[in-house]
Amino acid sequence: MMTETGSVDLAAFCPRYERAMSIISKRWTGLILRALLGGSCRFSSIAAYVPGLSDRLLSERLKELEVEGIVERRVYPEVPVRIEYVLTLKGQELRDIVQVTQVWANKWLPEG
């Protein structure tokens, strides 16, 4: 919701914001997005980037992000078939959110 000055009224409930947070705040999603910000990745590369993430849950999260139009699954008809995941333009626009979250974490959270 916008105020008279054109800024966002952060005190008012916003269903779009709630939906966005429900998408990107699911466990492991932020790390999956961060892995994909480096460019296209194979399933095994993402799994290696996110320690503790099961293959089943990684597959589920990638499908959810694909349905939302944030991730694109690319299949290359080679032998064996090669599958890579890449952020769409919609997904790339999350870069600033990931970066500002990292800056905040560096400032306010202890290492470990």
PDB file of N, CA and C in Angstrom:
ATOM      1  N   MET A   1       0.843  -1.171   0.000  1.00  0.00           N
ATOM      2  CA  MET A   1       0.000   0.000   0.000  1.00  0.00           C
ATOM      3  C   MET A   1       0.891   1.237   0.000  1.00  0.00           C
ATOM      4  N   MET A   2       0.526   2.222  -0.777  1.00  0.00           N
ATOM      5  CA  MET A   2       1.325   3.441  -0.916  1.00  0.00           C
ATOM      6  C   MET A   2       0.758   4.554  -0.043  1.00  0.00           C
ATOM      7  N   THR A   3       1.651   5.412   0.448  1.00  0.00           N
ATOM      8  CA  THR A   3       1.231   6.582   1.203  1.00  0.00           C
ATOM      9  C   THR A   3       1.019   7.736   0.241  1.00  0.00           C
ATOM     10  N   GLU A   4       0.576   8.865   0.761  1.00  0.00           N
ATOM     11  CA  GLU A   4       0.361  10.057  -0.078  1.00  0.00           C
ATOM     12  C   GLU A   4       1.654  10.542  -0.720  1.00  0.00           C
ATOM     13  N   THR A   5       2.783  10.289  -0.085  1.00  0.00           N
ATOM     14  CA  THR A   5       4.068  10.734  -0.616  1.00  0.00           C
ATOM     15  C   THR A   5       4.662   9.764  -1.632  1.00  0.00           C
ATOM     16  N   GLY A   6       3.989   8.631  -1.853  1.00  0.00           N
ATOM     17  CA  GLY A   6       4.463   7.659  -2.833  1.00  0.00           C
ATOM     18  C   GLY A   6       5.368   6.585  -2.264  1.00  0.00           C
ATOM     19  N   SER A   7       5.617   6.635  -0.949  1.00  0.00           N
ATOM     20  CA  SER A   7       6.431   5.586  -0.339  1.00  0.00           C
ATOM     21  C   SER A   7       5.527   4.438   0.107  1.00  0.00           C
ATOM     22  N   VAL A   8       6.126   3.320   0.427  1.00  0.00           N
ATOM     23  CA  VAL A   8       5.368   2.144   0.840  1.00  0.00           C
ATOM     24  C   VAL A   8       5.008   2.274   2.317  1.00  0.00           C
ATOM     25  N   ASP A   9       3.743   2.026   2.632  1.00  0.00           N
ATOM     26  CA  ASP A   9       3.278   2.037   4.022  1.00  0.00           C
ATOM     27  C   ASP A   9       3.576   0.675   4.625  1.00  0.00           C
ATOM     28  N   LEU A  10       4.661   0.584   5.376  1.00  0.00           N
ATOM     29  CA  LEU A  10       5.088  -0.698   5.930  1.00  0.00           C
ATOM     30  C   LEU A  10       4.241  -1.141   7.117  1.00  0.00           C
ATOM     31  N   ALA A  11       3.412  -0.255   7.629  1.00  0.00           N
ATOM     32  CA  ALA A  11       2.557  -0.618   8.762  1.00  0.00           C
ATOM     33  C   ALA A  11       1.288  -1.336   8.307  1.00  0.00           C
ATOM     34  N   ALA A  12       0.918  -1.156   7.060  1.00  0.00           N
ATOM     35  CA  ALA A  12      -0.310  -1.770   6.546  1.00  0.00           C
ATOM     36  C   ALA A  12      -0.037  -3.190   6.070  1.00  0.00           C
ATOM     37  N   PHE A  13      -0.987  -4.090   6.313  1.00  0.00           N
ATOM     38  CA  PHE A  13      -0.856  -5.467   5.823  1.00  0.00           C
ATOM     39  C   PHE A  13      -0.893  -5.469   4.308  1.00  0.00           C
ATOM     40  N   CYS A  14      -0.020  -6.268   3.701  1.00  0.00           N
ATOM     41  CA  CYS A  14       0.027  -6.367   2.248  1.00  0.00           C
ATOM     42  C   CYS A  14       0.053  -7.837   1.853  1.00  0.00           C
ATOM     43  N   PRO A  15      -0.985  -8.320   1.172  1.00  0.00           N
ATOM     44  CA  PRO A  15      -1.013  -9.731   0.781  1.00  0.00           C
ATOM     45  C   PRO A  15       0.107 -10.114  -0.189  1.00  0.00           C
ATOM     46  N   ARG A  16       0.549  -9.186  -1.024  1.00  0.00           N
ATOM     47  CA  ARG A  16       1.660  -9.499  -1.940  1.00  0.00           C
ATOM     48  C   ARG A  16       2.950  -9.739  -1.160  1.00  0.00           C
ATOM     49  N   TYR A  17       3.187  -8.895  -0.170  1.00  0.00           N
ATOM     50  CA  TYR A  17       4.373  -9.070   0.665  1.00  0.00           C
ATOM     51  C   TYR A  17       4.299 -10.402   1.405  1.00  0.00           C
ATOM     52  N   GLU A  18       3.136 -10.720   1.939  1.00  0.00           N
ATOM     53  CA  GLU A  18       2.953 -11.977   2.666  1.00  0.00           C
ATOM     54  C   GLU A  18       3.244 -13.162   1.743  1.00  0.00           C
ATOM     55  N   ARG A  19       2.783 -13.100   0.516  1.00  0.00           N
ATOM     56  CA  ARG A  19       3.018 -14.185  -0.442  1.00  0.00           C
ATOM     57  C   ARG A  19       4.498 -14.284  -0.802  1.00  0.00           C
ATOM     58  N   ALA A  20       5.126 -13.135  -1.022  1.00  0.00           N
ATOM     59  CA  ALA A  20       6.558 -13.138  -1.340  1.00  0.00           C
ATOM     60  C   ALA A  20       7.362 -13.761  -0.206  1.00  0.00           C
ATOM     61  N   MET A  21       7.036 -13.396   1.019  1.00  0.00           N
ATOM     62  CA  MET A  21       7.753 -13.948   2.165  1.00  0.00           C
ATOM     63  C   MET A  21       7.500 -15.445   2.303  1.00  0.00           C
ATOM     64  N   SER A  22       6.295 -15.894   1.993  1.00  0.00           N
ATOM     65  CA  SER A  22       6.011 -17.326   2.100  1.00  0.00           C
ATOM     66  C   SER A  22       6.807 -18.119   1.057  1.00  0.00           C
ATOM     67  N   ILE A  23       7.108 -17.502  -0.067  1.00  0.00           N
ATOM     68  CA  ILE A  23       7.890 -18.177  -1.109  1.00  0.00           C
ATOM     69  C   ILE A  23       9.364 -18.225  -0.723  1.00  0.00           C
ATOM     70  N   ILE A  24       9.944 -17.075  -0.403  1.00  0.00           N
ATOM     71  CA  ILE A  24      11.403 -17.026  -0.215  1.00  0.00           C
ATOM     72  C   ILE A  24      11.861 -17.387   1.190  1.00  0.00           C
ATOM     73  N   SER A  25      10.933 -17.482   2.140  1.00  0.00           N
ATOM     74  CA  SER A  25      11.363 -17.776   3.505  1.00  0.00           C
ATOM     75  C   SER A  25      11.296 -19.263   3.865  1.00  0.00           C
ATOM     76  N   LYS A  26      10.901 -20.097   2.939  1.00  0.00           N
ATOM     77  CA  LYS A  26      10.884 -21.537   3.233  1.00  0.00           C
ATOM     78  C   LYS A  26      12.309 -22.011   3.480  1.00  0.00           C
ATOM     79  N   ARG A  27      12.414 -22.969   4.385  1.00  0.00           N
ATOM     80  CA  ARG A  27      13.734 -23.494   4.735  1.00  0.00           C
ATOM     81  C   ARG A  27      14.493 -23.934   3.480  1.00  0.00           C
ATOM     82  N   TRP A  28      15.733 -23.530   3.369  1.00  0.00           N
ATOM     83  CA  TRP A  28      16.688 -23.844   2.312  1.00  0.00           C
ATOM     84  C   TRP A  28      16.532 -22.971   1.068  1.00  0.00           C
ATOM     85  N   THR A  29      15.392 -22.326   0.876  1.00  0.00           N
ATOM     86  CA  THR A  29      15.161 -21.577  -0.359  1.00  0.00           C
ATOM     87  C   THR A  29      16.184 -20.467  -0.559  1.00  0.00           C
ATOM     88  N   GLY A  30      16.495 -19.734   0.499  1.00  0.00           N
ATOM     89  CA  GLY A  30      17.482 -18.655   0.387  1.00  0.00           C
ATOM     90  C   GLY A  30      18.840 -19.163  -0.065  1.00  0.00           C
ATOM     91  N   LEU A  31      19.255 -20.309   0.443  1.00  0.00           N
ATOM     92  CA  LEU A  31      20.547 -20.877   0.049  1.00  0.00           C
ATOM     93  C   LEU A  31      20.514 -21.406  -1.383  1.00  0.00           C
ATOM     94  N   ILE A  32      19.386 -21.953  -1.783  1.00  0.00           N
ATOM     95  CA  ILE A  32      19.244 -22.414  -3.169  1.00  0.00           C
ATOM     96  C   ILE A  32      19.336 -21.219  -4.114  1.00  0.00           C
ATOM     97  N   LEU A  33      18.644 -20.138  -3.781  1.00  0.00           N
ATOM     98  CA  LEU A  33      18.700 -18.925  -4.601  1.00  0.00           C
ATOM     99  C   LEU A  33      20.126 -18.392  -4.665  1.00  0.00           C
ATOM    100  N   ARG A  34      20.794 -18.390  -3.525  1.00  0.00           N
ATOM    101  CA  ARG A  34      22.170 -17.889  -3.478  1.00  0.00           C
ATOM    102  C   ARG A  34      23.080 -18.729  -4.371  1.00  0.00           C
ATOM    103  N   ALA A  35      22.907 -20.040  -4.345  1.00  0.00           N
ATOM    104  CA  ALA A  35      23.705 -20.920  -5.206  1.00  0.00           C
ATOM    105  C   ALA A  35      23.470 -20.595  -6.677  1.00  0.00           C
ATOM    106  N   LEU A  36      22.217 -20.340  -7.030  1.00  0.00           N
ATOM    107  CA  LEU A  36      21.867 -20.081  -8.427  1.00  0.00           C
ATOM    108  C   LEU A  36      22.245 -18.676  -8.890  1.00  0.00           C
ATOM    109  N   LEU A  37      22.499 -17.767  -7.965  1.00  0.00           N
ATOM    110  CA  LEU A  37      22.927 -16.420  -8.363  1.00  0.00           C
ATOM    111  C   LEU A  37      24.293 -16.439  -9.035  1.00  0.00           C
ATOM    112  N   GLY A  38      25.046 -17.512  -8.827  1.00  0.00           N
ATOM    113  CA  GLY A  38      26.342 -17.655  -9.482  1.00  0.00           C
ATOM    114  C   GLY A  38      26.243 -18.138 -10.921  1.00  0.00           C
ATOM    115  N   GLY A  39      25.052 -18.496 -11.359  1.00  0.00           N
ATOM    116  CA  GLY A  39      24.856 -18.998 -12.719  1.00  0.00           C
ATOM    117  C   GLY A  39      24.165 -20.344 -12.686  1.00  0.00           C
ATOM    118  N   SER A  40      24.028 -20.959 -13.845  1.00  0.00           N
ATOM    119  CA  SER A  40      23.319 -22.231 -13.927  1.00  0.00           C
ATOM    120  C   SER A  40      24.058 -23.301 -13.124  1.00  0.00           C
ATOM    121  N   CYS A  41      23.279 -24.172 -12.513  1.00  0.00           N
ATOM    122  CA  CYS A  41      23.835 -25.231 -11.667  1.00  0.00           C
ATOM    123  C   CYS A  41      23.118 -26.538 -11.933  1.00  0.00           C
ATOM    124  N   ARG A  42      23.863 -27.608 -11.792  1.00  0.00           N
ATOM    125  CA  ARG A  42      23.259 -28.934 -11.814  1.00  0.00           C
ATOM    126  C   ARG A  42      22.755 -29.245 -10.418  1.00  0.00           C
ATOM    127  N   PHE A  43      21.847 -30.206 -10.339  1.00  0.00           N
ATOM    128  CA  PHE A  43      21.243 -30.608  -9.080  1.00  0.00           C
ATOM    129  C   PHE A  43      22.319 -30.926  -8.040  1.00  0.00           C
ATOM    130  N   SER A  44      23.314 -31.703  -8.443  1.00  0.00           N
ATOM    131  CA  SER A  44      24.363 -32.127  -7.507  1.00  0.00           C
ATOM    132  C   SER A  44      25.186 -30.947  -6.992  1.00  0.00           C
ATOM    133  N   SER A  45      25.373 -29.922  -7.812  1.00  0.00           N
ATOM    134  CA  SER A  45      26.113 -28.731  -7.379  1.00  0.00           C
ATOM    135  C   SER A  45      25.341 -27.962  -6.317  1.00  0.00           C
ATOM    136  N   ILE A  46      24.033 -27.856  -6.514  1.00  0.00           N
ATOM    137  CA  ILE A  46      23.206 -27.171  -5.516  1.00  0.00           C
ATOM    138  C   ILE A  46      23.207 -27.971  -4.222  1.00  0.00           C
ATOM    139  N   ALA A  47      23.075 -29.284  -4.333  1.00  0.00           N
ATOM    140  CA  ALA A  47      23.072 -30.153  -3.152  1.00  0.00           C
ATOM    141  C   ALA A  47      24.384 -30.020  -2.381  1.00  0.00           C
ATOM    142  N   ALA A  48      25.497 -29.921  -3.079  1.00  0.00           N
ATOM    143  CA  ALA A  48      26.796 -29.767  -2.424  1.00  0.00           C
ATOM    144  C   ALA A  48      26.939 -28.397  -1.769  1.00  0.00           C
ATOM    145  N   TYR A  49      26.320 -27.377  -2.349  1.00  0.00           N
ATOM    146  CA  TYR A  49      26.383 -26.009  -1.833  1.00  0.00           C
ATOM    147  C   TYR A  49      25.607 -25.874  -0.526  1.00  0.00           C
ATOM    148  N   VAL A  50      24.545 -26.664  -0.377  1.00  0.00           N
ATOM    149  CA  VAL A  50      23.658 -26.560   0.787  1.00  0.00           C
ATOM    150  C   VAL A  50      23.787 -27.830   1.637  1.00  0.00           C
ATOM    151  N   PRO A  51      24.751 -27.857   2.555  1.00  0.00           N
ATOM    152  CA  PRO A  51      24.934 -29.058   3.370  1.00  0.00           C
ATOM    153  C   PRO A  51      23.708 -29.318   4.253  1.00  0.00           C
ATOM    154  N   GLY A  52      23.326 -30.593   4.338  1.00  0.00           N
ATOM    155  CA  GLY A  52      22.196 -30.968   5.175  1.00  0.00           C
ATOM    156  C   GLY A  52      20.864 -30.995   4.454  1.00  0.00           C
ATOM    157  N   LEU A  53      20.841 -30.557   3.212  1.00  0.00           N
ATOM    158  CA  LEU A  53      19.610 -30.534   2.420  1.00  0.00           C
ATOM    159  C   LEU A  53      19.459 -31.878   1.706  1.00  0.00           C
ATOM    160  N   SER A  54      18.343 -32.556   1.951  1.00  0.00           N
ATOM    161  CA  SER A  54      18.116 -33.855   1.311  1.00  0.00           C
ATOM    162  C   SER A  54      17.761 -33.670  -0.157  1.00  0.00           C
ATOM    163  N   ASP A  55      18.025 -34.690  -0.955  1.00  0.00           N
ATOM    164  CA  ASP A  55      17.680 -34.645  -2.373  1.00  0.00           C
ATOM    165  C   ASP A  55      16.174 -34.453  -2.571  1.00  0.00           C
ATOM    166  N   ARG A  56      15.375 -35.118  -1.735  1.00  0.00           N
ATOM    167  CA  ARG A  56      13.922 -35.010  -1.847  1.00  0.00           C
ATOM    168  C   ARG A  56      13.469 -33.572  -1.620  1.00  0.00           C
ATOM    169  N   LEU A  57      14.009 -32.925  -0.580  1.00  0.00           N
ATOM    170  CA  LEU A  57      13.604 -31.553  -0.279  1.00  0.00           C
ATOM    171  C   LEU A  57      14.152 -30.573  -1.315  1.00  0.00           C
ATOM    172  N   LEU A  58      15.361 -30.801  -1.807  1.00  0.00           N
ATOM    173  CA  LEU A  58      15.908 -29.945  -2.858  1.00  0.00           C
ATOM    174  C   LEU A  58      15.031 -30.026  -4.100  1.00  0.00           C
ATOM    175  N   SER A  59      14.645 -31.220  -4.474  1.00  0.00           N
ATOM    176  CA  SER A  59      13.771 -31.408  -5.632  1.00  0.00           C
ATOM    177  C   SER A  59      12.445 -30.671  -5.429  1.00  0.00           C
ATOM    178  N   GLU A  60      11.890 -30.781  -4.237  1.00  0.00           N
ATOM    179  CA  GLU A  60      10.623 -30.110  -3.920  1.00  0.00           C
ATOM    180  C   GLU A  60      10.761 -28.598  -4.017  1.00  0.00           C
ATOM    181  N   ARG A  61      11.831 -28.055  -3.443  1.00  0.00           N
ATOM    182  CA  ARG A  61      12.027 -26.594  -3.482  1.00  0.00           C
ATOM    183  C   ARG A  61      12.239 -26.101  -4.911  1.00  0.00           C
ATOM    184  N   LEU A  62      13.027 -26.839  -5.687  1.00  0.00           N
ATOM    185  CA  LEU A  62      13.255 -26.426  -7.080  1.00  0.00           C
ATOM    186  C   LEU A  62      11.955 -26.439  -7.872  1.00  0.00           C
ATOM    187  N   LYS A  63      11.103 -27.430  -7.656  1.00  0.00           N
ATOM    188  CA  LYS A  63       9.809 -27.477  -8.338  1.00  0.00           C
ATOM    189  C   LYS A  63       8.935 -26.297  -7.923  1.00  0.00           C
ATOM    190  N   GLU A  64       8.932 -25.966  -6.632  1.00  0.00           N
ATOM    191  CA  GLU A  64       8.152 -24.821  -6.157  1.00  0.00           C
ATOM    192  C   GLU A  64       8.642 -23.527  -6.804  1.00  0.00           C
ATOM    193  N   LEU A  65       9.954 -23.347  -6.872  1.00  0.00           N
ATOM    194  CA  LEU A  65      10.523 -22.143  -7.475  1.00  0.00           C
ATOM    195  C   LEU A  65      10.260 -22.100  -8.977  1.00  0.00           C
ATOM    196  N   GLU A  66      10.227 -23.254  -9.594  1.00  0.00           N
ATOM    197  CA  GLU A  66       9.912 -23.335 -11.022  1.00  0.00           C
ATOM    198  C   GLU A  66       8.453 -22.939 -11.266  1.00  0.00           C
ATOM    199  N   VAL A  67       7.546 -23.426 -10.442  1.00  0.00           N
ATOM    200  CA  VAL A  67       6.118 -23.077 -10.566  1.00  0.00           C
ATOM    201  C   VAL A  67       5.922 -21.575 -10.394  1.00  0.00           C
ATOM    202  N   GLU A  68       6.702 -20.965  -9.509  1.00  0.00           N
ATOM    203  CA  GLU A  68       6.597 -19.522  -9.260  1.00  0.00           C
ATOM    204  C   GLU A  68       7.263 -18.689 -10.350  1.00  0.00           C
ATOM    205  N   GLY A  69       7.965 -19.334 -11.275  1.00  0.00           N
ATOM    206  CA  GLY A  69       8.632 -18.605 -12.349  1.00  0.00           C
ATOM    207  C   GLY A  69       9.948 -17.980 -11.924  1.00  0.00           C
ATOM    208  N   ILE A  70      10.529 -18.492 -10.838  1.00  0.00           N
ATOM    209  CA  ILE A  70      11.786 -17.962 -10.311  1.00  0.00           C
ATOM    210  C   ILE A  70      12.976 -18.751 -10.837  1.00  0.00           C
ATOM    211  N   VAL A  71      12.769 -20.036 -11.059  1.00  0.00           N
ATOM    212  CA  VAL A  71      13.813 -20.932 -11.554  1.00  0.00           C
ATOM    213  C   VAL A  71      13.332 -21.598 -12.837  1.00  0.00           C
ATOM    214  N   GLU A  72      14.261 -21.763 -13.759  1.00  0.00           N
ATOM    215  CA  GLU A  72      13.969 -22.497 -14.996  1.00  0.00           C
ATOM    216  C   GLU A  72      14.800 -23.771 -14.999  1.00  0.00           C
ATOM    217  N   ARG A  73      14.162 -24.855 -15.345  1.00  0.00           N
ATOM    218  CA  ARG A  73      14.828 -26.161 -15.459  1.00  0.00           C
ATOM    219  C   ARG A  73      15.149 -26.371 -16.929  1.00  0.00           C
ATOM    220  N   ARG A  74      16.428 -26.539 -17.234  1.00  0.00           N
ATOM    221  CA  ARG A  74      16.855 -26.736 -18.620  1.00  0.00           C
ATOM    222  C   ARG A  74      17.350 -28.160 -18.806  1.00  0.00           C
ATOM    223  N   VAL A  75      16.769 -28.833 -19.783  1.00  0.00           N
ATOM    224  CA  VAL A  75      17.128 -30.217 -20.075  1.00  0.00           C
ATOM    225  C   VAL A  75      17.894 -30.238 -21.390  1.00  0.00           C
ATOM    226  N   TYR A  76      19.086 -30.828 -21.354  1.00  0.00           N
ATOM    227  CA  TYR A  76      19.922 -30.947 -22.542  1.00  0.00           C
ATOM    228  C   TYR A  76      19.893 -32.402 -22.995  1.00  0.00           C
ATOM    229  N   PRO A  77      19.424 -32.659 -24.224  1.00  0.00           N
ATOM    230  CA  PRO A  77      19.275 -34.043 -24.704  1.00  0.00           C
ATOM    231  C   PRO A  77      20.621 -34.664 -25.099  1.00  0.00           C
ATOM    232  N   GLU A  78      21.413 -34.908 -24.095  1.00  0.00           N
ATOM    233  CA  GLU A  78      22.710 -35.554 -24.292  1.00  0.00           C
ATOM    234  C   GLU A  78      22.627 -36.957 -23.703  1.00  0.00           C
ATOM    235  N   VAL A  79      23.676 -37.712 -23.870  1.00  0.00           N
ATOM    236  CA  VAL A  79      23.742 -39.028 -23.240  1.00  0.00           C
ATOM    237  C   VAL A  79      24.918 -39.005 -22.272  1.00  0.00           C
ATOM    238  N   PRO A  80      24.663 -39.078 -20.966  1.00  0.00           N
ATOM    239  CA  PRO A  80      23.349 -39.058 -20.314  1.00  0.00           C
ATOM    240  C   PRO A  80      22.741 -37.658 -20.349  1.00  0.00           C
ATOM    241  N   VAL A  81      21.452 -37.588 -20.117  1.00  0.00           N
ATOM    242  CA  VAL A  81      20.733 -36.307 -20.135  1.00  0.00           C
ATOM    243  C   VAL A  81      21.326 -35.383 -19.077  1.00  0.00           C
ATOM    244  N   ARG A  82      21.531 -34.130 -19.467  1.00  0.00           N
ATOM    245  CA  ARG A  82      22.065 -33.133 -18.530  1.00  0.00           C
ATOM    246  C   ARG A  82      20.938 -32.168 -18.188  1.00  0.00           C
ATOM    247  N   ILE A  83      20.746 -31.927 -16.895  1.00  0.00           N
ATOM    248  CA  ILE A  83      19.717 -30.999 -16.430  1.00  0.00           C
ATOM    249  C   ILE A  83      20.395 -29.924 -15.600  1.00  0.00           C
ATOM    250  N   GLU A  84      20.092 -28.683 -15.908  1.00  0.00           N
ATOM    251  CA  GLU A  84      20.623 -27.553 -15.160  1.00  0.00           C
ATOM    252  C   GLU A  84      19.478 -26.654 -14.729  1.00  0.00           C
ATOM    253  N   TYR A  85      19.714 -25.929 -13.656  1.00  0.00           N
ATOM    254  CA  TYR A  85      18.743 -24.981 -13.133  1.00  0.00           C
ATOM    255  C   TYR A  85      19.353 -23.593 -13.212  1.00  0.00           C
ATOM    256  N   VAL A  86      18.532 -22.634 -13.588  1.00  0.00           N
ATOM    257  CA  VAL A  86      18.991 -21.255 -13.738  1.00  0.00           C
ATOM    258  C   VAL A  86      17.880 -20.322 -13.262  1.00  0.00           C
ATOM    259  N   LEU A  87      18.288 -19.191 -12.707  1.00  0.00           N
ATOM    260  CA  LEU A  87      17.290 -18.202 -12.301  1.00  0.00           C
ATOM    261  C   LEU A  87      16.725 -17.502 -13.518  1.00  0.00           C
ATOM    262  N   THR A  88      15.435 -17.281 -13.507  1.00  0.00           N
ATOM    263  CA  THR A  88      14.794 -16.474 -14.540  1.00  0.00           C
ATOM    264  C   THR A  88      15.062 -15.005 -14.217  1.00  0.00           C
ATOM    265  N   LEU A  89      14.578 -14.108 -15.045  1.00  0.00           N
ATOM    266  CA  LEU A  89      14.694 -12.676 -14.755  1.00  0.00           C
ATOM    267  C   LEU A  89      14.025 -12.363 -13.423  1.00  0.00           C
ATOM    268  N   LYS A  90      12.877 -12.975 -13.194  1.00  0.00           N
ATOM    269  CA  LYS A  90      12.164 -12.804 -11.919  1.00  0.00           C
ATOM    270  C   LYS A  90      13.044 -13.254 -10.753  1.00  0.00           C
ATOM    271  N   GLY A  91      13.741 -14.353 -10.924  1.00  0.00           N
ATOM    272  CA  GLY A  91      14.638 -14.848  -9.890  1.00  0.00           C
ATOM    273  C   GLY A  91      15.870 -13.977  -9.717  1.00  0.00           C
ATOM    274  N   GLN A  92      16.421 -13.497 -10.825  1.00  0.00           N
ATOM    275  CA  GLN A  92      17.595 -12.616 -10.768  1.00  0.00           C
ATOM    276  C   GLN A  92      17.295 -11.339  -9.989  1.00  0.00           C
ATOM    277  N   GLU A  93      16.047 -10.905 -10.034  1.00  0.00           N
ATOM    278  CA  GLU A  93      15.689  -9.672  -9.323  1.00  0.00           C
ATOM    279  C   GLU A  93      15.678  -9.849  -7.811  1.00  0.00           C
ATOM    280  N   LEU A  94      15.897 -11.066  -7.339  1.00  0.00           N
ATOM    281  CA  LEU A  94      16.044 -11.306  -5.902  1.00  0.00           C
ATOM    282  C   LEU A  94      17.481 -11.072  -5.426  1.00  0.00           C
ATOM    283  N   ARG A  95      18.388 -10.782  -6.353  1.00  0.00           N
ATOM    284  CA  ARG A  95      19.811 -10.584  -6.024  1.00  0.00           C
ATOM    285  C   ARG A  95      19.995  -9.534  -4.926  1.00  0.00           C
ATOM    286  N   ASP A  96      19.332  -8.400  -5.048  1.00  0.00           N
ATOM    287  CA  ASP A  96      19.485  -7.338  -4.055  1.00  0.00           C
ATOM    288  C   ASP A  96      19.026  -7.787  -2.673  1.00  0.00           C
ATOM    289  N   ILE A  97      17.962  -8.576  -2.622  1.00  0.00           N
ATOM    290  CA  ILE A  97      17.467  -9.079  -1.340  1.00  0.00           C
ATOM    291  C   ILE A  97      18.508 -10.000  -0.705  1.00  0.00           C
ATOM    292  N   VAL A  98      19.091 -10.877  -1.503  1.00  0.00           N
ATOM    293  CA  VAL A  98      20.112 -11.788  -0.995  1.00  0.00           C
ATOM    294  C   VAL A  98      21.323 -10.996  -0.515  1.00  0.00           C
ATOM    295  N   GLN A  99      21.745 -10.010  -1.299  1.00  0.00           N
ATOM    296  CA  GLN A  99      22.921  -9.224  -0.935  1.00  0.00           C
ATOM    297  C   GLN A  99      22.694  -8.401   0.329  1.00  0.00           C
ATOM    298  N   VAL A 100      21.553  -7.747   0.446  1.00  0.00           N
ATOM    299  CA  VAL A 100      21.291  -6.927   1.627  1.00  0.00           C
ATOM    300  C   VAL A 100      21.126  -7.803   2.865  1.00  0.00           C
ATOM    301  N   THR A 101      20.596  -9.002   2.698  1.00  0.00           N
ATOM    302  CA  THR A 101      20.500  -9.936   3.810  1.00  0.00           C
ATOM    303  C   THR A 101      21.891 -10.359   4.262  1.00  0.00           C
ATOM    304  N   GLN A 102      22.805 -10.580   3.321  1.00  0.00           N
ATOM    305  CA  GLN A 102      24.182 -10.935   3.668  1.00  0.00           C
ATOM    306  C   GLN A 102      24.863  -9.797   4.414  1.00  0.00           C
ATOM    307  N   VAL A 103      24.674  -8.574   3.967  1.00  0.00           N
ATOM    308  CA  VAL A 103      25.259  -7.414   4.653  1.00  0.00           C
ATOM    309  C   VAL A 103      24.732  -7.338   6.086  1.00  0.00           C
ATOM    310  N   TRP A 104      23.429  -7.512   6.246  1.00  0.00           N
ATOM    311  CA  TRP A 104      22.822  -7.484   7.575  1.00  0.00           C
ATOM    312  C   TRP A 104      23.398  -8.605   8.450  1.00  0.00           C
ATOM    313  N   ALA A 105      23.502  -9.808   7.884  1.00  0.00           N
ATOM    314  CA  ALA A 105      24.038 -10.949   8.631  1.00  0.00           C
ATOM    315  C   ALA A 105      25.486 -10.703   9.058  1.00  0.00           C
ATOM    316  N   ASN A 106      26.284 -10.142   8.166  1.00  0.00           N
ATOM    317  CA  ASN A 106      27.681  -9.852   8.497  1.00  0.00           C
ATOM    318  C   ASN A 106      27.778  -8.865   9.657  1.00  0.00           C
ATOM    319  N   LYS A 107      26.873  -7.923   9.699  1.00  0.00           N
ATOM    320  CA  LYS A 107      26.900  -6.894  10.731  1.00  0.00           C
ATOM    321  C   LYS A 107      26.357  -7.384  12.066  1.00  0.00           C
ATOM    322  N   TRP A 108      25.294  -8.162  12.039  1.00  0.00           N
ATOM    323  CA  TRP A 108      24.547  -8.433  13.261  1.00  0.00           C
ATOM    324  C   TRP A 108      24.613  -9.859  13.794  1.00  0.00           C
ATOM    325  N   LEU A 109      25.055 -10.808  13.011  1.00  0.00           N
ATOM    326  CA  LEU A 109      25.051 -12.192  13.479  1.00  0.00           C
ATOM    327  C   LEU A 109      26.468 -12.702  13.709  1.00  0.00           C
ATOM    328  N   PRO A 110      26.680 -13.448  14.772  1.00  0.00           N
ATOM    329  CA  PRO A 110      28.017 -13.994  15.025  1.00  0.00           C
ATOM    330  C   PRO A 110      28.340 -15.100  14.037  1.00  0.00           C
ATOM    331  N   GLU A 111      29.629 -15.301  13.791  1.00  0.00           N
ATOM    332  CA  GLU A 111      30.040 -16.412  12.915  1.00  0.00           C
ATOM    333  C   GLU A 111      29.782 -17.732  13.627  1.00  0.00           C
ATOM    334  N   GLY A 112      29.549 -18.741  12.818  1.00  0.00           N
ATOM    335  CA  GLY A 112      29.396 -20.067  13.415  1.00  0.00           C
ATOM    336  C   GLY A 112      28.094 -20.594  13.168  1.00  0.00           C
TER     337      GLY A 112
END
